[in-house]
Amino acid sequence: MLWISNHFLLVAVLILAATSLGSAATLAQPPLLAEWSRGVGEGAHANLAFKFEVTFMKIDVADIEARVTPATAAALGALVQEGKLDKKRKNEAAELLLAAETVAFRLVFLREGGLDRFLEGTRQHLEAARNAGLLSAWEYSTIWDGLQRTMVTLNERGALAGDQLLYRVEPGKVRVMYLGDDGAPLVDTIHAGDFWARGIKGSFFSPGSRFRDKLIRSLENS
């Protein structure tokens, strides 16, 4: 009887250990995702997010997210506390976000498709940053050419549902990462230059960007 009791005890311990390891594996982030999210997205007003929709078809095509540092989140929170995000406060929020040194952006594709349509949208958002005076003509062209070269290895594969495009903006550089639908890293490159940081932030938060208002409005629920 003692042997049977010990046997069942050992089995129970092994099952518990296996369950714990499985849970840890489930919770573990891919290394690139952990690096992308380091120091951002923690606490109230640190996560801005919305579903991006193809308007004429009423189809959600991507989850768009921006994560900021605690300092930027606190400044945005102060704006929210002042009252409803009217046009003036939205502009002030956009200025805070454009001035932030570190911002992490993520686009999660919800549908399969070619990258050409996505890249065309990226070009239009970069144009919005240029038109807002955040980029010179040369800076705009350099970023656009750089992003096309960065993504060229994915042209044949295209985008799959669950793929993630990550930008991590830090002082003087932008890191561009692309994770497949299984979490495998497919692209990881760094583009140096203050104008890269301005351009990527501007593509999300400059007037004319289709991401700007919905990201900022999401602060009211964050």
Protein backbone atom coordinates (compact mmCIF):
# COMPACT_ATOMS: atom_id res chain seq x y z
CA MET A 1 0.00 0.00 0.00
CA LEU A 2 2.87 2.34 0.80
CA TRP A 3 4.43 1.60 -2.60
CA ILE A 4 1.11 2.35 -4.34
CA SER A 5 0.70 5.61 -2.44
CA ASN A 6 4.23 6.71 -3.31
CA HIS A 7 3.67 5.74 -6.95
CA PHE A 8 0.54 7.87 -7.22
CA LEU A 9 2.31 10.73 -5.44
CA LEU A 10 5.15 10.59 -7.99
CA VAL A 11 2.68 10.58 -10.89
CA ALA A 12 0.86 13.59 -9.41
CA VAL A 13 4.12 15.51 -9.04
CA LEU A 14 5.12 14.74 -12.64
CA ILE A 15 1.72 15.85 -13.95
CA LEU A 16 1.91 19.09 -11.97
CA ALA A 17 5.43 19.76 -13.24
CA ALA A 18 4.38 19.11 -16.83
CA THR A 19 1.38 21.41 -16.46
CA SER A 20 3.55 24.18 -15.03
CA LEU A 21 6.07 23.86 -17.86
CA GLY A 22 3.27 23.92 -20.41
CA SER A 23 1.80 27.07 -18.88
CA ALA A 24 5.21 28.77 -18.86
CA ALA A 25 5.71 27.87 -22.52
CA THR A 26 2.27 29.26 -23.35
CA LEU A 27 2.98 32.54 -21.57
CA ALA A 28 6.48 32.96 -23.01
CA GLN A 29 6.76 35.57 -25.75
CA PRO A 30 8.89 35.11 -28.87
CA PRO A 31 12.22 36.89 -28.21
CA LEU A 32 11.61 39.59 -30.83
CA LEU A 33 8.17 40.34 -29.40
CA ALA A 34 9.66 40.70 -25.93
CA GLU A 35 12.30 43.10 -27.26
CA TRP A 36 9.68 45.08 -29.16
CA SER A 37 7.55 45.56 -26.03
CA ARG A 38 10.38 46.30 -23.57
CA GLY A 39 9.56 49.31 -21.37
CA VAL A 40 6.32 50.25 -23.11
CA GLY A 41 2.63 49.42 -22.81
CA GLU A 42 2.49 49.22 -19.02
CA GLY A 43 -0.36 50.86 -17.14
CA ALA A 44 -3.20 53.20 -18.02
CA HIS A 45 -3.04 55.13 -21.30
CA ALA A 46 0.07 53.23 -22.41
CA ASN A 47 -1.75 51.16 -25.06
CA LEU A 48 -3.54 52.73 -28.02
CA ALA A 49 -5.32 50.28 -30.31
CA PHE A 50 -8.13 49.82 -32.83
CA LYS A 51 -9.24 47.54 -35.65
CA PHE A 52 -8.43 48.89 -39.09
CA GLU A 53 -11.32 48.45 -41.50
CA VAL A 54 -11.63 48.58 -45.27
CA THR A 55 -14.46 51.09 -45.22
CA PHE A 56 -16.31 50.29 -48.42
CA MET A 57 -16.33 46.54 -47.62
CA LYS A 58 -16.80 46.85 -43.84
CA ILE A 59 -14.10 44.24 -43.28
CA ASP A 60 -11.53 44.35 -40.47
CA VAL A 61 -8.11 43.76 -42.01
CA ALA A 62 -5.66 44.49 -39.18
CA ASP A 63 -5.30 45.23 -35.49
CA ILE A 64 -3.29 48.44 -35.09
CA GLU A 65 -1.51 49.16 -31.81
CA ALA A 66 0.87 51.73 -30.38
CA ARG A 67 2.56 51.31 -27.01
CA VAL A 68 4.27 54.13 -25.12
CA THR A 69 6.49 54.57 -22.09
CA PRO A 70 5.10 55.36 -18.62
CA ALA A 71 6.20 59.00 -18.96
CA THR A 72 4.33 59.48 -22.24
CA ALA A 73 1.33 57.58 -20.84
CA ALA A 74 1.20 59.91 -17.84
CA ALA A 75 1.19 62.97 -20.09
CA LEU A 76 -1.57 61.46 -22.24
CA GLY A 77 -3.53 60.54 -19.12
CA ALA A 78 -3.41 64.14 -17.94
CA LEU A 79 -5.02 65.20 -21.22
CA VAL A 80 -7.77 62.61 -20.86
CA GLN A 81 -8.46 63.79 -17.31
CA GLU A 82 -9.07 67.33 -18.61
CA GLY A 83 -12.19 66.21 -20.44
CA LYS A 84 -13.44 64.82 -23.73
CA LEU A 85 -10.82 64.48 -26.45
CA ASP A 86 -11.99 67.31 -28.66
CA LYS A 87 -10.02 68.52 -31.68
CA LYS A 88 -7.68 70.65 -29.57
CA ARG A 89 -6.85 67.85 -27.14
CA LYS A 90 -6.43 65.35 -29.97
CA ASN A 91 -3.89 67.66 -31.56
CA GLU A 92 -2.09 67.99 -28.24
CA ALA A 93 -2.07 64.20 -27.84
CA ALA A 94 -0.65 63.82 -31.35
CA GLU A 95 2.12 66.32 -30.54
CA LEU A 96 3.00 64.35 -27.40
CA LEU A 97 3.14 61.12 -29.36
CA LEU A 98 5.23 62.64 -32.15
CA ALA A 99 7.67 63.99 -29.56
CA ALA A 100 7.93 60.68 -27.66
CA GLU A 101 11.40 59.17 -27.86
CA THR A 102 10.27 55.55 -27.67
CA VAL A 103 7.11 54.15 -29.24
CA ALA A 104 6.35 50.58 -30.32
CA PHE A 105 3.88 49.98 -33.14
CA ARG A 106 2.28 46.69 -34.15
CA LEU A 107 0.07 45.68 -37.07
CA VAL A 108 -1.49 42.22 -36.80
CA PHE A 109 -2.89 41.05 -40.12
CA LEU A 110 -6.36 39.53 -39.80
CA ARG A 111 -6.60 38.31 -43.40
CA GLU A 112 -4.34 36.86 -46.06
CA GLY A 113 -3.28 39.08 -48.92
CA GLY A 114 -0.46 40.44 -51.00
CA LEU A 115 1.93 42.94 -49.48
CA ASP A 116 1.57 45.34 -52.40
CA ARG A 117 -1.69 46.78 -51.07
CA PHE A 118 -0.24 47.11 -47.57
CA LEU A 119 2.89 48.82 -48.90
CA GLU A 120 0.77 51.25 -50.89
CA GLY A 121 -1.00 52.19 -47.66
CA THR A 122 2.38 52.64 -45.99
CA ARG A 123 3.48 54.96 -48.79
CA GLN A 124 0.34 57.06 -48.37
CA HIS A 125 0.92 57.40 -44.63
CA LEU A 126 4.52 58.43 -45.22
CA GLU A 127 3.22 61.02 -47.67
CA ALA A 128 0.99 62.33 -44.90
CA ALA A 129 4.08 62.76 -42.71
CA ARG A 130 5.89 64.55 -45.54
CA ASN A 131 2.90 66.81 -46.23
CA ALA A 132 2.78 67.69 -42.52
CA GLY A 133 6.37 68.95 -42.73
CA LEU A 134 7.84 66.08 -40.71
CA LEU A 135 9.92 64.78 -43.62
CA SER A 136 11.80 66.36 -46.49
CA ALA A 137 11.37 64.92 -49.99
CA TRP A 138 14.71 63.11 -49.65
CA GLU A 139 13.84 61.69 -46.24
CA TYR A 140 10.48 60.48 -47.50
CA SER A 141 12.08 58.75 -50.50
CA THR A 142 14.81 57.19 -48.37
CA ILE A 143 12.33 55.69 -45.89
CA TRP A 144 10.01 54.46 -48.64
CA ASP A 145 12.87 52.82 -50.55
CA GLY A 146 14.24 51.33 -47.32
CA LEU A 147 10.91 49.78 -46.33
CA GLN A 148 10.43 48.27 -49.77
CA ARG A 149 13.89 46.68 -49.59
CA THR A 150 13.21 45.46 -46.07
CA MET A 151 10.00 43.71 -47.12
CA VAL A 152 11.16 42.37 -50.48
CA THR A 153 11.86 38.87 -49.12
CA LEU A 154 8.15 38.57 -48.22
CA ASN A 155 6.76 39.55 -51.62
CA GLU A 156 6.26 35.99 -52.85
CA ARG A 157 4.94 34.71 -49.50
CA GLY A 158 2.57 37.61 -48.93
CA ALA A 159 0.86 38.33 -45.62
CA LEU A 160 -0.96 35.59 -43.73
CA ALA A 161 -3.63 36.00 -41.06
CA GLY A 162 -1.78 36.25 -37.75
CA ASP A 163 1.39 37.81 -39.17
CA GLN A 164 2.77 40.72 -37.16
CA LEU A 165 4.65 43.77 -38.41
CA LEU A 166 6.50 45.51 -35.58
CA TYR A 167 8.19 48.91 -35.47
CA ARG A 168 10.20 49.94 -32.43
CA VAL A 169 11.08 53.63 -32.57
CA GLU A 170 13.94 54.79 -30.36
CA PRO A 171 16.15 57.89 -30.46
CA GLY A 172 17.95 57.95 -33.79
CA LYS A 173 16.69 54.63 -35.15
CA VAL A 174 13.79 52.38 -36.06
CA ARG A 175 13.85 48.61 -35.75
CA VAL A 176 11.56 46.82 -38.20
CA MET A 177 10.52 43.25 -37.38
CA TYR A 178 8.12 40.85 -39.05
CA LEU A 179 6.83 37.70 -37.37
CA GLY A 180 5.05 34.95 -39.27
CA ASP A 181 1.70 33.58 -38.19
CA ASP A 182 3.58 30.93 -36.18
CA GLY A 183 5.69 33.56 -34.39
CA ALA A 184 8.83 32.82 -36.42
CA PRO A 185 10.98 35.89 -37.20
CA LEU A 186 11.04 36.63 -40.93
CA VAL A 187 12.48 40.16 -40.92
CA ASP A 188 14.62 41.99 -38.38
CA THR A 189 16.51 45.09 -39.45
CA ILE A 190 17.48 48.48 -38.03
CA HIS A 191 17.31 51.75 -39.95
CA ALA A 192 19.43 54.53 -38.43
CA GLY A 193 18.63 58.23 -38.51
CA ASP A 194 16.43 60.69 -36.64
CA PHE A 195 14.32 61.13 -39.77
CA TRP A 196 13.41 57.43 -39.68
CA ALA A 197 12.00 57.89 -36.18
CA ARG A 198 10.12 61.02 -37.27
CA GLY A 199 8.80 59.33 -40.39
CA ILE A 200 7.43 56.20 -38.75
CA LYS A 201 5.82 58.13 -35.89
CA GLY A 202 4.47 60.61 -38.42
CA SER A 203 2.93 57.86 -40.53
CA PHE A 204 0.76 56.98 -37.54
CA PHE A 205 0.15 60.36 -35.89
CA SER A 206 0.42 63.13 -38.49
CA PRO A 207 -2.69 64.85 -39.88
CA GLY A 208 -3.83 62.84 -42.88
CA SER A 209 -2.88 59.47 -41.41
CA ARG A 210 -5.85 57.10 -41.31
CA PHE A 211 -4.49 55.70 -38.03
CA ARG A 212 -4.23 58.97 -36.11
CA ASP A 213 -7.73 59.74 -34.87
CA LYS A 214 -8.73 56.19 -34.00
CA LEU A 215 -5.53 55.52 -32.08
CA ILE A 216 -5.91 58.75 -30.12
CA ARG A 217 -9.63 58.19 -29.50
CA SER A 218 -8.79 54.80 -27.99
CA LEU A 219 -7.16 56.66 -25.08
CA GLU A 220 -10.62 57.27 -23.68
CA ASN A 221 -10.97 53.53 -23.09
CA SER A 222 -7.41 52.67 -22.13
